[in-house]
């Protein structure tokens, strides 16, 4: 994946999260949970894009 596509996707996700936080009225606890879920999903997606998760899956514990 080219770097420019990565940056554009991160900007779009950030703008969407900002818009949801500012323009959709909801409880602050729900907003916090939504923010945490989106950040964790983006971190896992970035790890997968950079190939870190592929190297972790080859690690075996035990036999």
C-alpha atoms as a PDB file:
ATOM      1  CA  UNK A   1       0.000   0.000   0.000  1.00  0.00           C
ATOM      2  CA  UNK A   2       1.506   3.345  -0.997  1.00  0.00           C
ATOM      3  CA  UNK A   3       2.262   5.796   1.773  1.00  0.00           C
ATOM      4  CA  UNK A   4      -0.064   8.464   0.366  1.00  0.00           C
ATOM      5  CA  UNK A   5      -3.024   6.055   0.546  1.00  0.00           C
ATOM      6  CA  UNK A   6      -2.136   5.269   4.156  1.00  0.00           C
ATOM      7  CA  UNK A   7      -2.048   8.955   5.077  1.00  0.00           C
ATOM      8  CA  UNK A   8      -5.337   9.659   3.274  1.00  0.00           C
ATOM      9  CA  UNK A   9      -7.082   6.773   5.061  1.00  0.00           C
ATOM     10  CA  UNK A  10      -5.794   7.961   8.440  1.00  0.00           C
ATOM     11  CA  UNK A  11      -6.988  11.514   7.719  1.00  0.00           C
ATOM     12  CA  UNK A  12     -10.431  10.275   6.660  1.00  0.00           C
ATOM     13  CA  UNK A  13     -10.772   8.113   9.777  1.00  0.00           C
ATOM     14  CA  UNK A  14      -9.676  11.036  11.950  1.00  0.00           C
ATOM     15  CA  UNK A  15     -12.126  13.464  10.339  1.00  0.00           C
ATOM     16  CA  UNK A  16     -14.980  10.959  10.643  1.00  0.00           C
ATOM     17  CA  UNK A  17     -14.185  10.350  14.303  1.00  0.00           C
ATOM     18  CA  UNK A  18     -13.995  14.094  14.923  1.00  0.00           C
ATOM     19  CA  UNK A  19     -17.335  14.641  13.169  1.00  0.00           C
ATOM     20  CA  UNK A  20     -19.011  11.898  15.192  1.00  0.00           C
ATOM     21  CA  UNK A  21     -17.610  13.323  18.425  1.00  0.00           C
ATOM     22  CA  UNK A  22     -18.696  16.886  17.655  1.00  0.00           C
ATOM     23  CA  UNK A  23     -21.964  16.576  15.753  1.00  0.00           C
ATOM     24  CA  UNK A  24     -23.705  13.441  17.026  1.00  0.00           C
ATOM     25  CA  UNK A  25     -25.113  13.914  20.512  1.00  0.00           C
ATOM     26  CA  UNK A  26     -24.386  10.936  22.735  1.00  0.00           C
ATOM     27  CA  UNK A  27     -23.214  10.189  26.241  1.00  0.00           C
ATOM     28  CA  UNK A  28     -19.541  10.835  26.961  1.00  0.00           C
ATOM     29  CA  UNK A  29     -19.044   7.203  28.048  1.00  0.00           C
ATOM     30  CA  UNK A  30     -20.255   5.977  24.653  1.00  0.00           C
ATOM     31  CA  UNK A  31     -17.976   8.471  22.895  1.00  0.00           C
ATOM     32  CA  UNK A  32     -15.023   7.244  24.936  1.00  0.00           C
ATOM     33  CA  UNK A  33     -15.784   3.621  24.103  1.00  0.00           C
ATOM     34  CA  UNK A  34     -16.183   4.507  20.408  1.00  0.00           C
ATOM     35  CA  UNK A  35     -12.881   6.387  20.392  1.00  0.00           C
ATOM     36  CA  UNK A  36     -11.033   3.505  22.057  1.00  0.00           C
ATOM     37  CA  UNK A  37     -12.511   0.932  19.660  1.00  0.00           C
ATOM     38  CA  UNK A  38     -11.605   3.029  16.610  1.00  0.00           C
ATOM     39  CA  UNK A  39      -8.062   3.685  17.840  1.00  0.00           C
ATOM     40  CA  UNK A  40      -7.480  -0.015  18.605  1.00  0.00           C
ATOM     41  CA  UNK A  41      -8.874  -1.001  15.194  1.00  0.00           C
ATOM     42  CA  UNK A  42      -6.621   1.523  13.437  1.00  0.00           C
ATOM     43  CA  UNK A  43      -3.562   0.345  15.383  1.00  0.00           C
ATOM     44  CA  UNK A  44      -4.253  -3.290  14.456  1.00  0.00           C
ATOM     45  CA  UNK A  45      -4.843  -2.273  10.837  1.00  0.00           C
ATOM     46  CA  UNK A  46      -1.542  -0.359  10.762  1.00  0.00           C
ATOM     47  CA  UNK A  47       0.305  -3.311  12.299  1.00  0.00           C
ATOM     48  CA  UNK A  48      -1.196  -5.539   9.631  1.00  0.00           C
ATOM     49  CA  UNK A  49      -0.293  -3.094   6.841  1.00  0.00           C
ATOM     50  CA  UNK A  50       3.326  -2.899   7.985  1.00  0.00           C
ATOM     51  CA  UNK A  51       3.523  -6.670   8.354  1.00  0.00           C
ATOM     52  CA  UNK A  52       4.052  -6.813  12.105  1.00  0.00           C
ATOM     53  CA  UNK A  53       1.051  -9.069  12.706  1.00  0.00           C
ATOM     54  CA  UNK A  54       2.251 -11.528  10.073  1.00  0.00           C
ATOM     55  CA  UNK A  55       5.541 -12.023  11.908  1.00  0.00           C
ATOM     56  CA  UNK A  56       3.728 -12.412  15.248  1.00  0.00           C
ATOM     57  CA  UNK A  57       1.532 -15.205  13.864  1.00  0.00           C
ATOM     58  CA  UNK A  58       4.625 -17.278  13.075  1.00  0.00           C
ATOM     59  CA  UNK A  59       5.714 -17.311  16.741  1.00  0.00           C
ATOM     60  CA  UNK A  60       4.853 -20.612  18.461  1.00  0.00           C
ATOM     61  CA  UNK A  61       4.696 -21.140  22.216  1.00  0.00           C
ATOM     62  CA  UNK A  62       5.327 -24.646  23.441  1.00  0.00           C
ATOM     63  CA  UNK A  63       5.574 -27.558  21.047  1.00  0.00           C
END
